[in-house]
Amino acid sequence: MRLNDSSSAQLKATIRKAIGKFTVEDETFVTDLHIQANPQTGTISLFDDDDMELGHTSVMEWVAYDGDDFEEIVTDTLTTILQEMKDAGDFAKVQIMQPYSFVYVDEDKETIAELLLMDDDTLIVTDGLLKGLDEELNEFLKDLLSD
């Protein structure tokens, strides 16, 4: 399920408002920014490490969604939105000591998925990077052993 432009913009604005609380001159120590979704109400809430709510909004496409893939849809959508925001420089002025992460959590604040790691020195290995790695390694080993 794809969000319409209005819902996507509203979600981005909520994330900007939440991280805007961390743009003061003093560098803040936060390890994770938690994002929680409620499938009954479509509400997305953002929290800091101390469970203080930083912002929330409702995503109309997710109100009363009853499919079995809600967690996957939310994870994919939030990952895409956060990456777009990072690429656009929305997190450049955030004064949070790196590394920190945006994580998707359940109602008990247990991590469901890491959505985005903010660290200039670390690269997250994803399925896209690993795709075809087995075949490449097998071909490399075959060439190495055949000489």
C-alpha atoms as a PDB file:
ATOM      1  CA  MET A   1       0.000   0.000   0.000  1.00  0.00           C
ATOM      2  CA  ARG A   2       1.543   3.252  -1.141  1.00  0.00           C
ATOM      3  CA  LEU A   3       0.932   6.516   0.701  1.00  0.00           C
ATOM      4  CA  ASN A   4      -0.543   9.412  -1.214  1.00  0.00           C
ATOM      5  CA  ASP A   5       1.546  12.586  -1.488  1.00  0.00           C
ATOM      6  CA  SER A   6      -0.403  14.331   1.263  1.00  0.00           C
ATOM      7  CA  SER A   7       0.123  11.527   3.788  1.00  0.00           C
ATOM      8  CA  SER A   8       3.793  11.233   2.870  1.00  0.00           C
ATOM      9  CA  ALA A   9       4.309  14.996   3.281  1.00  0.00           C
ATOM     10  CA  GLN A  10       2.441  14.960   6.607  1.00  0.00           C
ATOM     11  CA  LEU A  11       4.602  12.098   7.881  1.00  0.00           C
ATOM     12  CA  LYS A  12       7.793  13.889   6.811  1.00  0.00           C
ATOM     13  CA  ALA A  13       6.616  17.098   8.510  1.00  0.00           C
ATOM     14  CA  THR A  14       5.984  15.199  11.742  1.00  0.00           C
ATOM     15  CA  ILE A  15       9.460  13.644  11.635  1.00  0.00           C
ATOM     16  CA  ARG A  16      11.017  17.070  10.903  1.00  0.00           C
ATOM     17  CA  LYS A  17       9.144  18.587  13.845  1.00  0.00           C
ATOM     18  CA  ALA A  18      10.271  15.746  16.132  1.00  0.00           C
ATOM     19  CA  ILE A  19      13.935  15.978  15.174  1.00  0.00           C
ATOM     20  CA  GLY A  20      13.715  19.759  15.267  1.00  0.00           C
ATOM     21  CA  LYS A  21      13.836  19.433  19.046  1.00  0.00           C
ATOM     22  CA  PHE A  22      17.445  18.291  18.639  1.00  0.00           C
ATOM     23  CA  THR A  23      18.810  21.246  16.675  1.00  0.00           C
ATOM     24  CA  VAL A  24      20.040  23.301  19.629  1.00  0.00           C
ATOM     25  CA  GLU A  25      23.751  24.036  19.933  1.00  0.00           C
ATOM     26  CA  ASP A  26      24.433  21.420  22.642  1.00  0.00           C
ATOM     27  CA  GLU A  27      24.975  17.959  21.229  1.00  0.00           C
ATOM     28  CA  THR A  28      22.377  15.569  22.618  1.00  0.00           C
ATOM     29  CA  PHE A  29      23.046  11.949  23.498  1.00  0.00           C
ATOM     30  CA  VAL A  30      20.229   9.816  22.117  1.00  0.00           C
ATOM     31  CA  THR A  31      20.819   6.311  20.864  1.00  0.00           C
ATOM     32  CA  ASP A  32      17.483   5.711  19.170  1.00  0.00           C
ATOM     33  CA  LEU A  33      14.443   7.575  17.960  1.00  0.00           C
ATOM     34  CA  HIS A  34      11.513   5.174  18.282  1.00  0.00           C
ATOM     35  CA  ILE A  35       8.654   5.174  15.790  1.00  0.00           C
ATOM     36  CA  GLN A  36       5.478   3.335  16.720  1.00  0.00           C
ATOM     37  CA  ALA A  37       2.422   2.667  14.527  1.00  0.00           C
ATOM     38  CA  ASN A  38      -1.077   1.816  15.668  1.00  0.00           C
ATOM     39  CA  PRO A  39      -2.953  -0.215  13.007  1.00  0.00           C
ATOM     40  CA  GLN A  40      -6.384   0.538  14.508  1.00  0.00           C
ATOM     41  CA  THR A  41      -6.020   4.333  14.462  1.00  0.00           C
ATOM     42  CA  GLY A  42      -3.319   4.813  11.826  1.00  0.00           C
ATOM     43  CA  THR A  43      -1.358   6.925  14.306  1.00  0.00           C
ATOM     44  CA  ILE A  44       2.407   7.174  13.995  1.00  0.00           C
ATOM     45  CA  SER A  45       4.209   8.367  17.143  1.00  0.00           C
ATOM     46  CA  LEU A  46       7.879   9.263  17.643  1.00  0.00           C
ATOM     47  CA  PHE A  47       9.631   8.878  20.990  1.00  0.00           C
ATOM     48  CA  ASP A  48      13.109   9.489  22.382  1.00  0.00           C
ATOM     49  CA  ASP A  49      15.080   7.061  24.562  1.00  0.00           C
ATOM     50  CA  ASP A  50      13.178   8.201  27.659  1.00  0.00           C
ATOM     51  CA  ASP A  51       9.795   7.446  26.033  1.00  0.00           C
ATOM     52  CA  MET A  52       8.993  11.146  25.761  1.00  0.00           C
ATOM     53  CA  GLU A  53       6.706  11.683  22.783  1.00  0.00           C
ATOM     54  CA  LEU A  54       8.330  13.946  20.214  1.00  0.00           C
ATOM     55  CA  GLY A  55       5.418  14.014  17.763  1.00  0.00           C
ATOM     56  CA  HIS A  56       2.577  12.086  16.206  1.00  0.00           C
ATOM     57  CA  THR A  57       0.312  12.093  13.170  1.00  0.00           C
ATOM     58  CA  SER A  58      -2.349   9.929  11.589  1.00  0.00           C
ATOM     59  CA  VAL A  59      -1.862   8.167   8.280  1.00  0.00           C
ATOM     60  CA  MET A  60      -5.288   7.802   6.707  1.00  0.00           C
ATOM     61  CA  GLU A  61      -4.247   4.847   4.526  1.00  0.00           C
ATOM     62  CA  TRP A  62      -3.361   2.888   7.662  1.00  0.00           C
ATOM     63  CA  VAL A  63      -6.546   3.574   9.659  1.00  0.00           C
ATOM     64  CA  ALA A  64      -8.180   0.223  10.498  1.00  0.00           C
ATOM     65  CA  TYR A  65      -5.860  -1.666   8.125  1.00  0.00           C
ATOM     66  CA  ASP A  66      -6.574  -5.364   8.649  1.00  0.00           C
ATOM     67  CA  GLY A  67      -4.027  -7.037   6.378  1.00  0.00           C
ATOM     68  CA  ASP A  68      -1.406  -9.446   7.695  1.00  0.00           C
ATOM     69  CA  ASP A  69       1.410  -7.375   6.221  1.00  0.00           C
ATOM     70  CA  PHE A  70       0.912  -4.141   8.216  1.00  0.00           C
ATOM     71  CA  GLU A  71       4.331  -4.315   9.910  1.00  0.00           C
ATOM     72  CA  GLU A  72       6.078  -4.917   6.587  1.00  0.00           C
ATOM     73  CA  ILE A  73       4.230  -2.057   4.877  1.00  0.00           C
ATOM     74  CA  VAL A  74       5.016   0.369   7.688  1.00  0.00           C
ATOM     75  CA  THR A  75       8.665  -0.731   7.847  1.00  0.00           C
ATOM     76  CA  ASP A  76       9.158  -0.358   4.080  1.00  0.00           C
ATOM     77  CA  THR A  77       7.348   2.985   3.942  1.00  0.00           C
ATOM     78  CA  LEU A  78       9.200   4.493   6.909  1.00  0.00           C
ATOM     79  CA  THR A  79      12.561   3.241   5.642  1.00  0.00           C
ATOM     80  CA  THR A  80      11.934   4.865   2.265  1.00  0.00           C
ATOM     81  CA  ILE A  81      10.748   8.153   3.777  1.00  0.00           C
ATOM     82  CA  LEU A  82      13.658   8.364   6.228  1.00  0.00           C
ATOM     83  CA  GLN A  83      16.187   7.614   3.480  1.00  0.00           C
ATOM     84  CA  GLU A  84      14.625  10.305   1.268  1.00  0.00           C
ATOM     85  CA  MET A  85      14.841  12.766   4.165  1.00  0.00           C
ATOM     86  CA  LYS A  86      18.474  11.843   4.829  1.00  0.00           C
ATOM     87  CA  ASP A  87      19.340  12.249   1.141  1.00  0.00           C
ATOM     88  CA  ALA A  88      17.605  15.649   1.128  1.00  0.00           C
ATOM     89  CA  GLY A  89      19.725  16.791   4.091  1.00  0.00           C
ATOM     90  CA  ASP A  90      16.871  16.981   6.592  1.00  0.00           C
ATOM     91  CA  PHE A  91      19.047  15.476   9.333  1.00  0.00           C
ATOM     92  CA  ALA A  92      22.129  17.634   8.681  1.00  0.00           C
ATOM     93  CA  LYS A  93      21.408  20.147  11.472  1.00  0.00           C
ATOM     94  CA  VAL A  94      20.374  17.574  14.068  1.00  0.00           C
ATOM     95  CA  GLN A  95      22.656  17.843  17.098  1.00  0.00           C
ATOM     96  CA  ILE A  96      22.488  14.215  18.214  1.00  0.00           C
ATOM     97  CA  MET A  97      25.765  12.447  18.838  1.00  0.00           C
ATOM     98  CA  GLN A  98      26.282   9.757  16.204  1.00  0.00           C
ATOM     99  CA  PRO A  99      25.625   6.930  15.876  1.00  0.00           C
ATOM    100  CA  TYR A 100      21.894   6.985  16.460  1.00  0.00           C
ATOM    101  CA  SER A 101      19.069   5.076  14.819  1.00  0.00           C
ATOM    102  CA  PHE A 102      15.474   5.413  13.809  1.00  0.00           C
ATOM    103  CA  VAL A 103      13.799   2.185  14.902  1.00  0.00           C
ATOM    104  CA  TYR A 104      10.293   0.860  14.417  1.00  0.00           C
ATOM    105  CA  VAL A 105       8.897  -0.482  17.701  1.00  0.00           C
ATOM    106  CA  ASP A 106       5.774  -2.285  18.879  1.00  0.00           C
ATOM    107  CA  GLU A 107       3.444  -1.199  21.691  1.00  0.00           C
ATOM    108  CA  ASP A 108       5.866  -2.642  24.287  1.00  0.00           C
ATOM    109  CA  LYS A 109       8.732  -0.610  22.768  1.00  0.00           C
ATOM    110  CA  GLU A 110      10.390  -3.784  21.494  1.00  0.00           C
ATOM    111  CA  THR A 111      12.297  -3.234  18.261  1.00  0.00           C
ATOM    112  CA  ILE A 112      10.637  -4.608  15.147  1.00  0.00           C
ATOM    113  CA  ALA A 113      13.115  -3.165  12.644  1.00  0.00           C
ATOM    114  CA  GLU A 114      15.972  -0.708  12.385  1.00  0.00           C
ATOM    115  CA  LEU A 115      14.835   1.808   9.806  1.00  0.00           C
ATOM    116  CA  LEU A 116      17.858   4.064   9.427  1.00  0.00           C
ATOM    117  CA  LEU A 117      21.256   4.275  11.099  1.00  0.00           C
ATOM    118  CA  MET A 118      22.758   7.744  11.230  1.00  0.00           C
ATOM    119  CA  ASP A 119      26.515   7.285  11.309  1.00  0.00           C
ATOM    120  CA  ASP A 120      28.970   8.711   8.825  1.00  0.00           C
ATOM    121  CA  ASP A 121      31.429   5.868   9.433  1.00  0.00           C
ATOM    122  CA  THR A 122      29.129   2.843   9.258  1.00  0.00           C
ATOM    123  CA  LEU A 123      27.469   1.165   6.291  1.00  0.00           C
ATOM    124  CA  ILE A 124      24.467  -1.083   6.909  1.00  0.00           C
ATOM    125  CA  VAL A 125      24.575  -4.216   4.778  1.00  0.00           C
ATOM    126  CA  THR A 126      21.123  -4.757   3.309  1.00  0.00           C
ATOM    127  CA  ASP A 127      19.599  -7.439   1.107  1.00  0.00           C
ATOM    128  CA  GLY A 128      20.274  -5.257  -1.930  1.00  0.00           C
ATOM    129  CA  LEU A 129      24.008  -5.295  -1.254  1.00  0.00           C
ATOM    130  CA  LEU A 130      24.061  -9.028  -0.592  1.00  0.00           C
ATOM    131  CA  LYS A 131      22.018 -10.030  -3.643  1.00  0.00           C
ATOM    132  CA  GLY A 132      24.091 -12.305  -5.864  1.00  0.00           C
ATOM    133  CA  LEU A 133      27.009 -12.418  -3.426  1.00  0.00           C
ATOM    134  CA  ASP A 134      26.910 -16.241  -3.210  1.00  0.00           C
ATOM    135  CA  GLU A 135      27.224 -16.593  -6.974  1.00  0.00           C
ATOM    136  CA  GLU A 136      30.085 -14.067  -7.130  1.00  0.00           C
ATOM    137  CA  LEU A 137      31.975 -15.795  -4.325  1.00  0.00           C
ATOM    138  CA  ASN A 138      31.456 -19.227  -5.892  1.00  0.00           C
ATOM    139  CA  GLU A 139      32.720 -17.954  -9.257  1.00  0.00           C
ATOM    140  CA  PHE A 140      35.718 -16.319  -7.582  1.00  0.00           C
ATOM    141  CA  LEU A 141      36.591 -19.511  -5.699  1.00  0.00           C
ATOM    142  CA  LYS A 142      36.177 -21.599  -8.866  1.00  0.00           C
ATOM    143  CA  ASP A 143      38.542 -19.279 -10.778  1.00  0.00           C
ATOM    144  CA  LEU A 144      41.012 -19.258  -7.903  1.00  0.00           C
ATOM    145  CA  LEU A 145      41.115 -23.046  -7.610  1.00  0.00           C
ATOM    146  CA  SER A 146      41.275 -23.683 -11.364  1.00  0.00           C
ATOM    147  CA  ASP A 147      44.632 -21.892 -11.791  1.00  0.00           C
END
